[in-house]
Amino acid sequence: MSDEDEDAEPAVSLGEHTPVEGAPLARVSSRLTWPKEKSEVDRLEGETVIRTPEGPRELSGVLEAVDETYFQRHQEFEGHVRDVIGTGPVPTADE
């Protein structure tokens, strides 16, 4: 690669950095090993604030609304959490 290539503008405009409160759910589930009991997820990550379409929420509060008590895989955990929090755009700190 030449020096000229390194100084070139990016091919896609990256836009401004807009802060988003909370951690992505996938990041939280990737920090855990599976299978895992709901109480153990709550003990390890319950205080973590996650991103939701309604704004940031503490995972512990979301887990209270989940009926499942044991998650075989992270996909199962994420599915149950998304059933509670919903899906959609996550508001930024400026909204």
N, C-alpha and C. Protein backbone atom coordinates (compact mmCIF):
# COMPACT_ATOMS: atom_id res chain seq x y z
N MET A 1 0.84 -1.16 0.00
CA MET A 1 0.00 0.00 0.00
C MET A 1 0.89 1.23 0.00
N SER A 2 0.53 2.20 -0.77
CA SER A 2 1.33 3.41 -0.84
C SER A 2 0.86 4.41 0.20
N ASP A 3 1.70 5.44 0.44
CA ASP A 3 1.32 6.51 1.38
C ASP A 3 0.08 7.24 0.91
N GLU A 4 -0.09 7.31 -0.42
CA GLU A 4 -1.25 8.01 -0.98
C GLU A 4 -2.55 7.31 -0.60
N ASP A 5 -2.56 5.96 -0.59
CA ASP A 5 -3.75 5.19 -0.22
C ASP A 5 -4.14 5.42 1.24
N GLU A 6 -3.16 5.56 2.11
CA GLU A 6 -3.43 5.75 3.53
C GLU A 6 -4.06 7.11 3.82
N ASP A 7 -3.75 8.12 2.99
CA ASP A 7 -4.28 9.46 3.20
C ASP A 7 -5.62 9.70 2.53
N ALA A 8 -6.11 8.74 1.77
CA ALA A 8 -7.37 8.90 1.04
C ALA A 8 -8.54 8.97 2.02
N GLU A 9 -9.59 9.66 1.59
CA GLU A 9 -10.81 9.76 2.39
C GLU A 9 -11.49 8.40 2.46
N PRO A 10 -12.24 8.13 3.53
CA PRO A 10 -12.96 6.85 3.60
C PRO A 10 -13.99 6.76 2.48
N ALA A 11 -14.25 5.54 2.02
CA ALA A 11 -15.21 5.33 0.94
C ALA A 11 -16.63 5.64 1.38
N VAL A 12 -16.90 5.51 2.66
CA VAL A 12 -18.23 5.76 3.21
C VAL A 12 -18.11 6.80 4.30
N SER A 13 -19.00 7.77 4.30
CA SER A 13 -19.01 8.78 5.34
C SER A 13 -19.45 8.13 6.65
N LEU A 14 -18.67 8.32 7.69
CA LEU A 14 -18.95 7.67 8.96
C LEU A 14 -19.91 8.46 9.83
N GLY A 15 -20.10 9.72 9.55
CA GLY A 15 -21.04 10.53 10.33
C GLY A 15 -20.48 10.90 11.68
N GLU A 16 -21.30 11.55 12.47
CA GLU A 16 -20.89 11.99 13.79
C GLU A 16 -21.10 10.87 14.79
N HIS A 17 -20.29 10.87 15.81
CA HIS A 17 -20.43 9.87 16.88
C HIS A 17 -21.56 10.31 17.81
N THR A 18 -22.60 9.51 17.88
CA THR A 18 -23.73 9.80 18.75
C THR A 18 -23.73 8.77 19.88
N PRO A 19 -23.60 9.21 21.11
CA PRO A 19 -23.54 8.25 22.22
C PRO A 19 -24.87 7.51 22.43
N VAL A 20 -24.76 6.24 22.78
CA VAL A 20 -25.91 5.42 23.09
C VAL A 20 -25.68 4.84 24.47
N GLU A 21 -26.64 5.02 25.36
CA GLU A 21 -26.47 4.52 26.73
C GLU A 21 -26.75 3.03 26.80
N GLY A 22 -25.98 2.33 27.61
CA GLY A 22 -26.18 0.91 27.82
C GLY A 22 -25.33 0.07 26.90
N ALA A 23 -25.22 -1.20 27.27
CA ALA A 23 -24.43 -2.16 26.50
C ALA A 23 -25.35 -2.94 25.56
N PRO A 24 -24.86 -3.32 24.39
CA PRO A 24 -25.66 -4.19 23.52
C PRO A 24 -25.89 -5.54 24.19
N LEU A 25 -27.06 -6.10 24.01
CA LEU A 25 -27.39 -7.39 24.62
C LEU A 25 -26.40 -8.47 24.20
N ALA A 26 -25.98 -8.46 22.95
CA ALA A 26 -25.03 -9.47 22.47
C ALA A 26 -23.70 -9.40 23.21
N ARG A 27 -23.27 -8.20 23.59
CA ARG A 27 -22.02 -8.07 24.33
C ARG A 27 -22.16 -8.71 25.71
N VAL A 28 -23.30 -8.50 26.34
CA VAL A 28 -23.53 -9.08 27.67
C VAL A 28 -23.55 -10.60 27.56
N SER A 29 -24.28 -11.15 26.61
CA SER A 29 -24.37 -12.60 26.50
C SER A 29 -23.04 -13.24 26.10
N SER A 30 -22.19 -12.50 25.38
CA SER A 30 -20.89 -13.05 24.97
C SER A 30 -19.92 -13.14 26.14
N ARG A 31 -20.17 -12.40 27.21
CA ARG A 31 -19.29 -12.47 28.38
C ARG A 31 -19.58 -13.68 29.26
N LEU A 32 -20.66 -14.37 28.99
CA LEU A 32 -21.07 -15.51 29.81
C LEU A 32 -20.81 -16.82 29.08
N THR A 33 -20.68 -17.90 29.84
CA THR A 33 -20.59 -19.23 29.25
C THR A 33 -21.95 -19.89 29.40
N TRP A 34 -22.29 -20.72 28.45
CA TRP A 34 -23.63 -21.33 28.42
C TRP A 34 -23.50 -22.83 28.48
N PRO A 35 -24.47 -23.53 29.08
CA PRO A 35 -25.76 -23.10 29.62
C PRO A 35 -25.60 -22.37 30.96
N LYS A 36 -26.66 -21.63 31.32
CA LYS A 36 -26.60 -20.82 32.53
C LYS A 36 -28.02 -20.64 33.09
N GLU A 37 -28.13 -20.71 34.43
CA GLU A 37 -29.40 -20.43 35.09
C GLU A 37 -29.67 -18.93 35.11
N LYS A 38 -30.94 -18.57 35.08
CA LYS A 38 -31.32 -17.16 35.11
C LYS A 38 -30.77 -16.47 36.35
N SER A 39 -30.81 -17.13 37.49
CA SER A 39 -30.31 -16.52 38.73
C SER A 39 -28.81 -16.24 38.65
N GLU A 40 -28.08 -17.10 37.95
CA GLU A 40 -26.64 -16.91 37.80
C GLU A 40 -26.35 -15.75 36.83
N VAL A 41 -27.15 -15.64 35.77
CA VAL A 41 -27.02 -14.49 34.85
C VAL A 41 -27.28 -13.21 35.63
N ASP A 42 -28.30 -13.22 36.46
CA ASP A 42 -28.63 -12.05 37.27
C ASP A 42 -27.50 -11.71 38.24
N ARG A 43 -26.92 -12.72 38.86
CA ARG A 43 -25.83 -12.49 39.81
C ARG A 43 -24.61 -11.89 39.11
N LEU A 44 -24.28 -12.41 37.93
CA LEU A 44 -23.08 -11.97 37.23
C LEU A 44 -23.26 -10.66 36.45
N GLU A 45 -24.42 -10.47 35.84
CA GLU A 45 -24.61 -9.34 34.94
C GLU A 45 -25.85 -8.49 35.25
N GLY A 46 -26.53 -8.78 36.34
CA GLY A 46 -27.79 -8.10 36.66
C GLY A 46 -27.69 -6.58 36.74
N GLU A 47 -26.56 -6.07 37.19
CA GLU A 47 -26.41 -4.61 37.32
C GLU A 47 -26.04 -3.95 36.00
N THR A 48 -25.78 -4.73 34.97
CA THR A 48 -25.42 -4.18 33.67
C THR A 48 -26.62 -3.48 33.05
N VAL A 49 -26.40 -2.31 32.52
CA VAL A 49 -27.45 -1.56 31.83
C VAL A 49 -27.37 -1.93 30.36
N ILE A 50 -28.51 -2.39 29.80
CA ILE A 50 -28.54 -2.78 28.40
C ILE A 50 -29.35 -1.78 27.59
N ARG A 51 -29.10 -1.77 26.29
CA ARG A 51 -29.83 -0.91 25.36
C ARG A 51 -31.17 -1.55 25.03
N THR A 52 -32.23 -0.77 25.06
CA THR A 52 -33.54 -1.25 24.64
C THR A 52 -34.20 -0.16 23.80
N PRO A 53 -35.23 -0.52 23.03
CA PRO A 53 -35.95 0.49 22.25
C PRO A 53 -36.60 1.57 23.13
N GLU A 54 -36.84 1.26 24.38
CA GLU A 54 -37.45 2.23 25.31
C GLU A 54 -36.42 3.00 26.11
N GLY A 55 -35.15 2.78 25.82
CA GLY A 55 -34.08 3.42 26.56
C GLY A 55 -33.33 2.41 27.39
N PRO A 56 -32.26 2.84 28.06
CA PRO A 56 -31.44 1.90 28.84
C PRO A 56 -32.21 1.32 30.03
N ARG A 57 -31.99 0.02 30.27
CA ARG A 57 -32.62 -0.67 31.42
C ARG A 57 -31.61 -1.60 32.05
N GLU A 58 -31.72 -1.76 33.36
CA GLU A 58 -30.87 -2.69 34.07
C GLU A 58 -31.34 -4.12 33.74
N LEU A 59 -30.39 -5.00 33.44
CA LEU A 59 -30.72 -6.37 33.06
C LEU A 59 -31.51 -7.09 34.14
N SER A 60 -31.21 -6.82 35.39
CA SER A 60 -31.91 -7.47 36.50
C SER A 60 -33.42 -7.25 36.41
N GLY A 61 -33.82 -6.03 36.11
CA GLY A 61 -35.25 -5.72 35.98
C GLY A 61 -35.89 -6.43 34.81
N VAL A 62 -35.15 -6.58 33.72
CA VAL A 62 -35.66 -7.29 32.55
C VAL A 62 -35.82 -8.77 32.88
N LEU A 63 -34.84 -9.34 33.56
CA LEU A 63 -34.89 -10.77 33.89
C LEU A 63 -36.08 -11.11 34.78
N GLU A 64 -36.54 -10.17 35.60
CA GLU A 64 -37.70 -10.42 36.44
C GLU A 64 -38.94 -10.75 35.60
N ALA A 65 -39.00 -10.22 34.39
CA ALA A 65 -40.16 -10.45 33.52
C ALA A 65 -39.99 -11.69 32.64
N VAL A 66 -38.83 -12.35 32.69
CA VAL A 66 -38.58 -13.55 31.90
C VAL A 66 -39.02 -14.77 32.71
N ASP A 67 -39.90 -15.60 32.11
CA ASP A 67 -40.42 -16.77 32.82
C ASP A 67 -39.44 -17.93 32.84
N GLU A 68 -38.59 -18.03 31.86
CA GLU A 68 -37.61 -19.12 31.76
C GLU A 68 -36.61 -19.03 32.91
N THR A 69 -36.21 -20.18 33.46
CA THR A 69 -35.25 -20.18 34.57
C THR A 69 -33.89 -20.73 34.18
N TYR A 70 -33.77 -21.27 32.95
CA TYR A 70 -32.53 -21.89 32.51
C TYR A 70 -32.37 -21.66 31.01
N PHE A 71 -31.20 -21.25 30.60
CA PHE A 71 -30.92 -20.97 29.19
C PHE A 71 -29.83 -21.92 28.69
N GLN A 72 -30.17 -22.73 27.69
CA GLN A 72 -29.20 -23.67 27.11
C GLN A 72 -28.11 -22.93 26.34
N ARG A 73 -28.52 -21.92 25.56
CA ARG A 73 -27.59 -21.23 24.67
C ARG A 73 -27.82 -19.72 24.77
N HIS A 74 -26.85 -18.96 24.34
CA HIS A 74 -26.99 -17.51 24.39
C HIS A 74 -28.12 -17.02 23.49
N GLN A 75 -28.40 -17.73 22.39
CA GLN A 75 -29.50 -17.35 21.52
C GLN A 75 -30.84 -17.45 22.25
N GLU A 76 -30.97 -18.48 23.06
CA GLU A 76 -32.21 -18.66 23.84
C GLU A 76 -32.36 -17.53 24.86
N PHE A 77 -31.28 -17.21 25.55
CA PHE A 77 -31.28 -16.09 26.50
C PHE A 77 -31.67 -14.79 25.81
N GLU A 78 -31.00 -14.47 24.70
CA GLU A 78 -31.28 -13.23 23.98
C GLU A 78 -32.71 -13.18 23.47
N GLY A 79 -33.23 -14.31 23.01
CA GLY A 79 -34.62 -14.37 22.54
C GLY A 79 -35.61 -14.04 23.64
N HIS A 80 -35.41 -14.60 24.82
CA HIS A 80 -36.32 -14.33 25.94
C HIS A 80 -36.23 -12.87 26.39
N VAL A 81 -35.02 -12.33 26.42
CA VAL A 81 -34.85 -10.93 26.81
C VAL A 81 -35.50 -10.02 25.77
N ARG A 82 -35.32 -10.32 24.49
CA ARG A 82 -35.94 -9.50 23.44
C ARG A 82 -37.46 -9.59 23.47
N ASP A 83 -38.00 -10.73 23.90
CA ASP A 83 -39.45 -10.83 24.07
C ASP A 83 -39.95 -9.81 25.08
N VAL A 84 -39.13 -9.50 26.07
CA VAL A 84 -39.51 -8.54 27.12
C VAL A 84 -39.25 -7.10 26.66
N ILE A 85 -38.07 -6.85 26.11
CA ILE A 85 -37.69 -5.47 25.78
C ILE A 85 -38.15 -5.03 24.40
N GLY A 86 -38.46 -5.98 23.53
CA GLY A 86 -38.85 -5.66 22.17
C GLY A 86 -37.64 -5.46 21.27
N THR A 87 -37.90 -5.16 20.03
CA THR A 87 -36.84 -4.89 19.07
C THR A 87 -37.16 -3.59 18.37
N GLY A 88 -36.16 -2.98 17.85
CA GLY A 88 -36.34 -1.72 17.14
C GLY A 88 -35.19 -0.79 17.39
N PRO A 89 -35.31 0.43 16.88
CA PRO A 89 -34.23 1.40 17.04
C PRO A 89 -34.00 1.75 18.52
N VAL A 90 -32.75 1.93 18.85
CA VAL A 90 -32.37 2.30 20.21
C VAL A 90 -32.14 3.81 20.23
N PRO A 91 -32.78 4.51 21.16
CA PRO A 91 -32.60 5.96 21.21
C PRO A 91 -31.17 6.34 21.61
N THR A 92 -30.70 7.43 21.04
CA THR A 92 -29.37 7.94 21.39
C THR A 92 -29.50 8.86 22.59
N ALA A 93 -28.37 9.24 23.16
CA ALA A 93 -28.37 10.11 24.34
C ALA A 93 -28.95 11.48 24.01
N ASP A 94 -28.94 11.89 22.72
CA ASP A 94 -29.44 13.20 22.33
C ASP A 94 -30.95 13.22 22.15
N GLU A 95 -31.60 12.06 22.08
CA GLU A 95 -33.04 12.01 21.81
C GLU A 95 -33.84 12.22 23.07
